[in-house]
């Protein structure tokens, strides 16, 4: 299993509008138009020097080929809308992660 993690720092001024748009529109659209099977939205609990609110969105996909295909062919179009709606109001970086093993409490 692979995770595509995107961390966002969003300006306080548009934070509520961005959060609602992410939850109601963006994440559902990404799931509907990609090979991702699940997504989690996580608030990062630290204060950034630059201010703003920080979130991590983790998209789960079954194999590396599906992730590579998405990143090479579809990702720009799905994430371009965010740049149009919130220009210069967020910074972001992404990380590709491979799940080695999951543990549960016994």
C-alpha atoms as a PDB file:
ATOM      1  CA  UNK A   1       0.000   0.000   0.000  1.00  0.00           C
ATOM      2  CA  UNK A   2       1.156   3.554  -0.739  1.00  0.00           C
ATOM      3  CA  UNK A   3       0.198   6.943   0.628  1.00  0.00           C
ATOM      4  CA  UNK A   4       0.388  10.238  -1.177  1.00  0.00           C
ATOM      5  CA  UNK A   5       0.718  12.814   1.600  1.00  0.00           C
ATOM      6  CA  UNK A   6       0.174  16.507   0.896  1.00  0.00           C
ATOM      7  CA  UNK A   7       0.874  19.011   3.645  1.00  0.00           C
ATOM      8  CA  UNK A   8      -0.768  22.431   3.368  1.00  0.00           C
ATOM      9  CA  UNK A   9      -0.255  25.633   5.296  1.00  0.00           C
ATOM     10  CA  UNK A  10      -3.244  27.868   4.614  1.00  0.00           C
ATOM     11  CA  UNK A  11      -3.634  31.562   5.417  1.00  0.00           C
ATOM     12  CA  UNK A  12      -5.878  32.250   8.425  1.00  0.00           C
ATOM     13  CA  UNK A  13      -7.967  34.696   6.355  1.00  0.00           C
ATOM     14  CA  UNK A  14      -9.274  31.955   4.061  1.00  0.00           C
ATOM     15  CA  UNK A  15      -8.864  28.983   6.372  1.00  0.00           C
ATOM     16  CA  UNK A  16     -12.575  28.250   7.019  1.00  0.00           C
ATOM     17  CA  UNK A  17     -13.567  28.594   3.357  1.00  0.00           C
ATOM     18  CA  UNK A  18     -10.611  26.417   2.292  1.00  0.00           C
ATOM     19  CA  UNK A  19     -11.400  23.750   4.925  1.00  0.00           C
ATOM     20  CA  UNK A  20     -15.037  23.522   3.870  1.00  0.00           C
ATOM     21  CA  UNK A  21     -14.092  23.369   0.182  1.00  0.00           C
ATOM     22  CA  UNK A  22     -11.528  20.614   0.873  1.00  0.00           C
ATOM     23  CA  UNK A  23     -14.018  18.500   2.828  1.00  0.00           C
ATOM     24  CA  UNK A  24     -17.080  18.967   0.633  1.00  0.00           C
ATOM     25  CA  UNK A  25     -15.590  19.367  -2.840  1.00  0.00           C
ATOM     26  CA  UNK A  26     -11.885  18.801  -3.376  1.00  0.00           C
ATOM     27  CA  UNK A  27     -11.193  15.543  -1.523  1.00  0.00           C
ATOM     28  CA  UNK A  28     -14.383  13.861  -2.831  1.00  0.00           C
ATOM     29  CA  UNK A  29     -13.433  14.934  -6.392  1.00  0.00           C
ATOM     30  CA  UNK A  30      -9.902  13.580  -6.026  1.00  0.00           C
ATOM     31  CA  UNK A  31     -11.262  10.252  -4.771  1.00  0.00           C
ATOM     32  CA  UNK A  32     -13.814  10.074  -7.593  1.00  0.00           C
ATOM     33  CA  UNK A  33     -11.246  10.841 -10.318  1.00  0.00           C
ATOM     34  CA  UNK A  34      -8.178   8.937  -9.192  1.00  0.00           C
ATOM     35  CA  UNK A  35      -7.009   5.468  -8.181  1.00  0.00           C
ATOM     36  CA  UNK A  36      -7.054   6.444  -4.491  1.00  0.00           C
ATOM     37  CA  UNK A  37      -9.274   4.286  -2.310  1.00  0.00           C
ATOM     38  CA  UNK A  38      -9.254   6.287   0.940  1.00  0.00           C
ATOM     39  CA  UNK A  39      -8.280   9.703   2.231  1.00  0.00           C
ATOM     40  CA  UNK A  40      -7.603  11.155   5.660  1.00  0.00           C
ATOM     41  CA  UNK A  41      -7.471  14.838   6.541  1.00  0.00           C
ATOM     42  CA  UNK A  42      -5.347  15.582   9.586  1.00  0.00           C
ATOM     43  CA  UNK A  43      -4.709  18.878  11.345  1.00  0.00           C
ATOM     44  CA  UNK A  44      -1.057  19.371  12.261  1.00  0.00           C
ATOM     45  CA  UNK A  45      -0.955  20.494  15.869  1.00  0.00           C
ATOM     46  CA  UNK A  46       1.863  23.022  15.844  1.00  0.00           C
ATOM     47  CA  UNK A  47       2.224  26.718  15.314  1.00  0.00           C
ATOM     48  CA  UNK A  48       4.172  27.680  12.220  1.00  0.00           C
ATOM     49  CA  UNK A  49       6.455  30.701  12.331  1.00  0.00           C
ATOM     50  CA  UNK A  50       4.832  31.907   9.126  1.00  0.00           C
ATOM     51  CA  UNK A  51       1.374  31.637  10.717  1.00  0.00           C
ATOM     52  CA  UNK A  52      -1.631  29.975   9.151  1.00  0.00           C
ATOM     53  CA  UNK A  53      -3.156  26.561   9.796  1.00  0.00           C
ATOM     54  CA  UNK A  54      -1.414  23.361   8.739  1.00  0.00           C
ATOM     55  CA  UNK A  55      -3.089  20.183   7.487  1.00  0.00           C
ATOM     56  CA  UNK A  56      -1.993  16.885   6.033  1.00  0.00           C
ATOM     57  CA  UNK A  57      -4.142  14.997   3.549  1.00  0.00           C
ATOM     58  CA  UNK A  58      -3.190  11.377   3.002  1.00  0.00           C
ATOM     59  CA  UNK A  59      -4.524   9.535  -0.033  1.00  0.00           C
ATOM     60  CA  UNK A  60      -4.212   5.741  -0.066  1.00  0.00           C
ATOM     61  CA  UNK A  61      -3.571   3.689  -3.196  1.00  0.00           C
ATOM     62  CA  UNK A  62      -3.000  -0.040  -3.645  1.00  0.00           C
ATOM     63  CA  UNK A  63       0.138  -0.015  -5.770  1.00  0.00           C
ATOM     64  CA  UNK A  64       2.995   2.167  -6.962  1.00  0.00           C
ATOM     65  CA  UNK A  65       1.986   1.946 -10.629  1.00  0.00           C
ATOM     66  CA  UNK A  66      -1.397   3.528  -9.880  1.00  0.00           C
ATOM     67  CA  UNK A  67       0.262   6.277  -7.865  1.00  0.00           C
ATOM     68  CA  UNK A  68       2.801   6.998 -10.626  1.00  0.00           C
ATOM     69  CA  UNK A  69       0.062   7.070 -13.248  1.00  0.00           C
ATOM     70  CA  UNK A  70      -1.932   9.560 -11.192  1.00  0.00           C
ATOM     71  CA  UNK A  71       1.083  11.787 -10.538  1.00  0.00           C
ATOM     72  CA  UNK A  72       2.113  11.783 -14.212  1.00  0.00           C
ATOM     73  CA  UNK A  73      -1.300  12.199 -15.829  1.00  0.00           C
ATOM     74  CA  UNK A  74      -3.983  13.543 -13.502  1.00  0.00           C
ATOM     75  CA  UNK A  75      -2.612  15.356 -10.487  1.00  0.00           C
ATOM     76  CA  UNK A  76      -2.070  18.757 -12.102  1.00  0.00           C
ATOM     77  CA  UNK A  77      -5.686  19.097 -13.251  1.00  0.00           C
ATOM     78  CA  UNK A  78      -7.148  18.038  -9.914  1.00  0.00           C
ATOM     79  CA  UNK A  79      -4.991  20.420  -7.914  1.00  0.00           C
ATOM     80  CA  UNK A  80      -5.096  23.392 -10.318  1.00  0.00           C
ATOM     81  CA  UNK A  81      -8.512  24.448  -9.002  1.00  0.00           C
ATOM     82  CA  UNK A  82      -7.034  25.084  -5.561  1.00  0.00           C
ATOM     83  CA  UNK A  83      -4.502  27.479  -7.062  1.00  0.00           C
ATOM     84  CA  UNK A  84      -7.294  29.336  -8.864  1.00  0.00           C
ATOM     85  CA  UNK A  85      -9.534  29.566  -5.787  1.00  0.00           C
ATOM     86  CA  UNK A  86      -6.839  30.397  -3.214  1.00  0.00           C
ATOM     87  CA  UNK A  87      -4.026  32.137  -5.127  1.00  0.00           C
ATOM     88  CA  UNK A  88      -0.962  32.934  -2.999  1.00  0.00           C
ATOM     89  CA  UNK A  89      -2.849  31.906   0.155  1.00  0.00           C
ATOM     90  CA  UNK A  90      -1.203  28.561   0.851  1.00  0.00           C
ATOM     91  CA  UNK A  91       2.046  26.667   0.587  1.00  0.00           C
ATOM     92  CA  UNK A  92       2.278  22.946   0.122  1.00  0.00           C
ATOM     93  CA  UNK A  93       4.623  20.029  -0.257  1.00  0.00           C
ATOM     94  CA  UNK A  94       3.970  16.384  -1.023  1.00  0.00           C
ATOM     95  CA  UNK A  95       5.548  13.103  -0.025  1.00  0.00           C
ATOM     96  CA  UNK A  96       5.142   9.605  -1.434  1.00  0.00           C
ATOM     97  CA  UNK A  97       5.097   6.956   1.306  1.00  0.00           C
ATOM     98  CA  UNK A  98       5.158   3.169   1.224  1.00  0.00           C
ATOM     99  CA  UNK A  99       3.459   1.340   4.080  1.00  0.00           C
ATOM    100  CA  UNK A 100       5.801  -1.411   5.248  1.00  0.00           C
ATOM    101  CA  UNK A 101       3.634  -2.865   7.997  1.00  0.00           C
ATOM    102  CA  UNK A 102       0.634  -1.877  10.070  1.00  0.00           C
ATOM    103  CA  UNK A 103       0.401  -2.714  13.753  1.00  0.00           C
ATOM    104  CA  UNK A 104      -2.627  -2.922  15.989  1.00  0.00           C
ATOM    105  CA  UNK A 105      -2.894  -3.166  19.729  1.00  0.00           C
ATOM    106  CA  UNK A 106      -3.498  -6.719  20.889  1.00  0.00           C
END
